[in-house]
Amino acid sequence: MSMLTPPGMGGKYRITGDKYPRMRQRRRRGRLAVTVVASAAALGLLGWGTLQLIDVFTGGGDKASAAGSKAECASPSPGVRGATTSVSVPKPGQITVNVYNATARSGLAKDTADALKKRGFKIGDVGNASKEFDKKVKGSGVLLGPSSALKTSLPVLGTQLSTAEQRAVASRKGAELDLIVGDKFKALTPKAAADRALAALTKPSSAAASTKKSC
């Protein structure tokens, strides 16, 4: 009987050999399991953080920027929302036009004045042009007015003779305009075209339209 066999036991319970059986300690196995779980959790957190960083530096940042831009465009400042710009121009019935003939053709000033009157303009003096312009207007005509008419009544009269030269005279007084008929004058701008030009001149344009396009 081996010295390893407890007293009173033999037969199949007899232990042979000269070494004790080696038993693993449970504490080491438990520590190993805890270490494995902690390592897996740390790797999971590291991977999640990496994905967040990738999202920020790639697609996520673009989405956030797009969302911010959309919100900014959808909420313009109170000063811009609904803002419109328009040219403050008088109606033809509020404009008095003097018509002068600078050509050698007789009756041209009267015919032109009659045509303007039918289109709603008020007519003032009608006759021959002064020496300053007589036989010196080579184009279709010249439109004269005070400086205050440069962006108001002159453009309105200009719709009736689109090829005429428009001049603002600083020393000119009053609100009346002059239409001086030149050598190349044949007729006023066709009424349909003149009406379209006048409508475009007085139609307000939206300032918010360019803001919306840039968004």
Protein backbone atom coordinates (compact mmCIF):
# COMPACT_ATOMS: atom_id res chain seq x y z
CA MET A 1 0.00 0.00 0.00
CA SER A 2 1.26 3.39 -0.88
CA MET A 3 1.93 5.92 1.78
CA LEU A 4 -0.61 8.13 0.03
CA THR A 5 -3.51 5.78 0.81
CA PRO A 6 -5.43 6.88 3.90
CA PRO A 7 -5.64 4.32 6.68
CA GLY A 8 -8.48 1.80 6.35
CA MET A 9 -8.84 2.28 2.60
CA GLY A 10 -7.56 -0.07 0.04
CA GLY A 11 -8.58 -1.97 -2.99
CA LYS A 12 -9.87 0.26 -5.71
CA TYR A 13 -9.57 3.27 -3.44
CA ARG A 14 -5.90 2.77 -3.04
CA ILE A 15 -3.77 5.64 -4.28
CA THR A 16 -0.67 4.64 -6.04
CA GLY A 17 2.35 6.70 -6.84
CA ASP A 18 4.47 9.00 -4.80
CA LYS A 19 2.85 12.42 -5.73
CA TYR A 20 -0.27 14.17 -4.50
CA PRO A 21 -2.81 15.16 -7.17
CA ARG A 22 -2.42 18.78 -8.24
CA MET A 23 -5.56 20.94 -7.70
CA ARG A 24 -6.08 24.35 -9.34
CA GLN A 25 -7.09 27.19 -7.12
CA ARG A 26 -10.57 28.64 -7.75
CA ARG A 27 -9.46 32.15 -6.90
CA ARG A 28 -7.15 32.37 -9.89
CA ARG A 29 -9.94 31.19 -12.24
CA GLY A 30 -12.32 33.84 -10.89
CA ARG A 31 -9.74 36.58 -11.29
CA LEU A 32 -9.12 35.50 -14.88
CA ALA A 33 -12.84 35.71 -15.70
CA VAL A 34 -13.09 39.18 -14.20
CA THR A 35 -10.05 40.31 -16.19
CA VAL A 36 -11.53 38.98 -19.45
CA VAL A 37 -14.87 40.76 -18.86
CA ALA A 38 -13.18 44.05 -17.97
CA SER A 39 -10.97 43.87 -21.07
CA ALA A 40 -13.99 43.22 -23.30
CA ALA A 41 -15.83 46.19 -21.80
CA ALA A 42 -12.81 48.45 -22.27
CA LEU A 43 -12.47 47.36 -25.91
CA GLY A 44 -16.17 48.01 -26.46
CA LEU A 45 -15.95 51.54 -25.06
CA LEU A 46 -12.84 52.24 -27.11
CA GLY A 47 -14.55 51.07 -30.30
CA TRP A 48 -17.66 53.16 -29.60
CA GLY A 49 -15.55 56.26 -29.00
CA THR A 50 -13.65 55.66 -32.24
CA LEU A 51 -16.90 55.41 -34.19
CA GLN A 52 -18.10 58.70 -32.68
CA LEU A 53 -14.89 60.44 -33.70
CA ILE A 54 -15.16 59.07 -37.25
CA ASP A 55 -18.78 60.23 -37.45
CA VAL A 56 -17.83 63.75 -36.36
CA PHE A 57 -14.95 64.10 -38.84
CA THR A 58 -16.88 62.58 -41.78
CA GLY A 59 -20.62 62.35 -42.33
CA GLY A 60 -21.90 63.46 -38.97
CA GLY A 61 -20.30 66.89 -39.17
CA ASP A 62 -21.74 67.47 -42.65
CA LYS A 63 -25.24 66.51 -41.52
CA ALA A 64 -25.00 68.86 -38.55
CA SER A 65 -23.75 71.70 -40.73
CA ALA A 66 -26.54 71.10 -43.26
CA ALA A 67 -29.14 71.10 -40.51
CA GLY A 68 -27.74 74.31 -39.07
CA SER A 69 -27.74 76.02 -42.48
CA LYS A 70 -31.31 74.91 -43.14
CA ALA A 71 -32.48 76.29 -39.82
CA GLU A 72 -30.67 79.56 -40.45
CA CYS A 73 -32.24 79.96 -43.90
CA ALA A 74 -35.69 79.04 -42.63
CA SER A 75 -35.55 81.75 -39.97
CA PRO A 76 -34.34 85.03 -41.50
CA SER A 77 -33.99 88.10 -39.36
CA PRO A 78 -37.10 90.27 -38.93
CA GLY A 79 -35.50 93.00 -40.99
CA VAL A 80 -35.11 90.73 -44.04
CA ARG A 81 -38.29 88.63 -43.94
CA GLY A 82 -40.77 89.82 -46.54
CA ALA A 83 -38.59 92.77 -47.50
CA THR A 84 -39.29 94.19 -50.94
CA THR A 85 -37.68 96.87 -53.00
CA SER A 86 -39.47 98.94 -55.62
CA VAL A 87 -38.85 102.02 -57.72
CA SER A 88 -41.02 104.91 -56.64
CA VAL A 89 -42.17 106.26 -59.99
CA PRO A 90 -45.11 108.45 -60.91
CA LYS A 91 -47.88 107.42 -63.28
CA PRO A 92 -47.95 108.85 -66.82
CA GLY A 93 -50.89 111.07 -65.85
CA GLN A 94 -48.68 112.76 -63.24
CA ILE A 95 -45.97 113.71 -65.75
CA THR A 96 -46.06 116.82 -67.97
CA VAL A 97 -44.03 116.53 -71.17
CA ASN A 98 -42.92 119.35 -73.48
CA VAL A 99 -42.34 118.09 -77.02
CA TYR A 100 -39.88 119.86 -79.33
CA ASN A 101 -38.86 119.10 -82.90
CA ALA A 102 -35.11 119.31 -83.64
CA THR A 103 -35.44 117.99 -87.22
CA ALA A 104 -36.28 119.55 -90.56
CA ARG A 105 -39.53 117.57 -90.77
CA SER A 106 -42.55 119.71 -90.01
CA GLY A 107 -45.40 118.63 -87.73
CA LEU A 108 -43.28 115.98 -85.96
CA ALA A 109 -43.59 117.58 -82.51
CA LYS A 110 -47.40 117.78 -82.71
CA ASP A 111 -47.79 114.18 -83.90
CA THR A 112 -45.52 112.92 -81.10
CA ALA A 113 -47.34 115.00 -78.49
CA ASP A 114 -50.71 113.62 -79.63
CA ALA A 115 -49.39 110.07 -79.36
CA LEU A 116 -48.08 110.67 -75.83
CA LYS A 117 -51.40 112.22 -74.80
CA LYS A 118 -53.24 109.09 -75.92
CA ARG A 119 -50.92 107.07 -73.65
CA GLY A 120 -51.92 109.10 -70.61
CA PHE A 121 -49.21 111.75 -70.38
CA LYS A 122 -49.94 115.43 -69.85
CA ILE A 123 -48.67 117.67 -72.64
CA GLY A 124 -47.11 121.08 -72.07
CA ASP A 125 -45.37 123.15 -74.76
CA VAL A 126 -45.18 121.87 -78.34
CA GLY A 127 -42.92 123.44 -80.97
CA ASN A 128 -39.45 123.67 -82.46
CA ALA A 129 -36.34 122.92 -80.43
CA SER A 130 -34.05 125.68 -79.15
CA LYS A 131 -30.80 126.57 -80.90
CA GLU A 132 -28.92 124.38 -78.46
CA PHE A 133 -30.59 121.29 -79.96
CA ASP A 134 -32.01 122.36 -83.34
CA LYS A 135 -30.54 120.14 -86.10
CA LYS A 136 -28.05 118.77 -83.56
CA VAL A 137 -29.83 115.64 -82.26
CA LYS A 138 -28.56 112.80 -84.43
CA GLY A 139 -30.30 110.01 -82.54
CA SER A 140 -34.00 109.30 -82.11
CA GLY A 141 -34.37 111.88 -79.38
CA VAL A 142 -33.26 113.36 -76.08
CA LEU A 143 -35.21 113.35 -72.81
CA LEU A 144 -34.44 116.19 -70.41
CA GLY A 145 -35.47 116.63 -66.79
CA PRO A 146 -34.30 117.87 -63.38
CA SER A 147 -31.94 115.81 -61.25
CA SER A 148 -34.86 114.65 -59.13
CA ALA A 149 -36.41 113.01 -62.22
CA LEU A 150 -33.42 110.78 -62.99
CA LYS A 151 -34.87 107.77 -61.20
CA THR A 152 -38.54 108.75 -61.23
CA SER A 153 -40.30 110.41 -64.16
CA LEU A 154 -37.49 110.20 -66.74
CA PRO A 155 -37.47 106.37 -66.77
CA VAL A 156 -41.26 106.43 -67.16
CA LEU A 157 -41.06 108.66 -70.23
CA GLY A 158 -38.14 106.55 -71.43
CA THR A 159 -40.44 103.53 -71.77
CA GLN A 160 -42.24 105.39 -74.58
CA LEU A 161 -39.04 106.04 -76.56
CA SER A 162 -36.53 103.43 -75.46
CA THR A 163 -33.82 104.58 -77.90
CA ALA A 164 -33.78 108.16 -76.63
CA GLU A 165 -30.95 109.56 -74.51
CA GLN A 166 -31.92 110.56 -70.96
CA ARG A 167 -30.26 113.56 -69.36
CA ALA A 168 -30.70 115.08 -65.91
CA VAL A 169 -29.93 118.80 -65.72
CA ALA A 170 -28.93 119.97 -62.24
CA SER A 171 -29.83 123.60 -62.92
CA ARG A 172 -33.28 122.73 -64.24
CA LYS A 173 -36.23 123.77 -62.07
CA GLY A 174 -39.71 122.31 -61.83
CA ALA A 175 -40.88 118.77 -62.60
CA GLU A 176 -41.69 119.04 -66.32
CA LEU A 177 -39.80 116.95 -68.84
CA ASP A 178 -38.70 117.70 -72.43
CA LEU A 179 -38.81 115.25 -75.31
CA ILE A 180 -36.66 116.56 -78.15
CA VAL A 181 -37.25 114.62 -81.35
CA GLY A 182 -34.05 113.78 -83.27
CA ASP A 183 -33.11 112.88 -86.85
CA LYS A 184 -33.51 109.10 -86.42
CA PHE A 185 -36.95 109.34 -84.86
CA LYS A 186 -39.63 107.31 -86.64
CA ALA A 187 -42.26 106.66 -83.99
CA LEU A 188 -42.69 106.02 -80.30
CA THR A 189 -42.00 102.56 -78.91
CA PRO A 190 -44.98 100.29 -79.77
CA LYS A 191 -47.59 100.61 -77.04
CA ALA A 192 -47.55 96.94 -76.08
CA ALA A 193 -43.78 96.99 -75.55
CA ALA A 194 -43.97 100.32 -73.73
CA ASP A 195 -46.66 98.97 -71.40
CA ARG A 196 -44.54 95.93 -70.57
CA ALA A 197 -41.52 98.12 -69.83
CA LEU A 198 -43.62 100.38 -67.63
CA ALA A 199 -45.06 97.40 -65.72
CA ALA A 200 -41.56 96.01 -65.15
CA LEU A 201 -40.40 99.43 -63.93
CA THR A 202 -43.11 99.73 -61.30
CA LYS A 203 -43.28 96.06 -60.25
CA PRO A 204 -41.68 95.46 -56.81
CA SER A 205 -38.95 92.86 -56.64
CA SER A 206 -38.48 90.62 -53.59
CA ALA A 207 -35.19 91.06 -51.73
CA ALA A 208 -35.74 87.71 -50.00
CA ALA A 209 -35.52 85.84 -53.31
CA SER A 210 -31.66 86.04 -53.48
CA THR A 211 -31.41 84.83 -49.82
CA LYS A 212 -33.50 81.81 -50.57
CA LYS A 213 -31.33 80.96 -53.70
CA SER A 214 -28.03 81.18 -51.80
CA CYS A 215 -29.57 78.66 -49.23
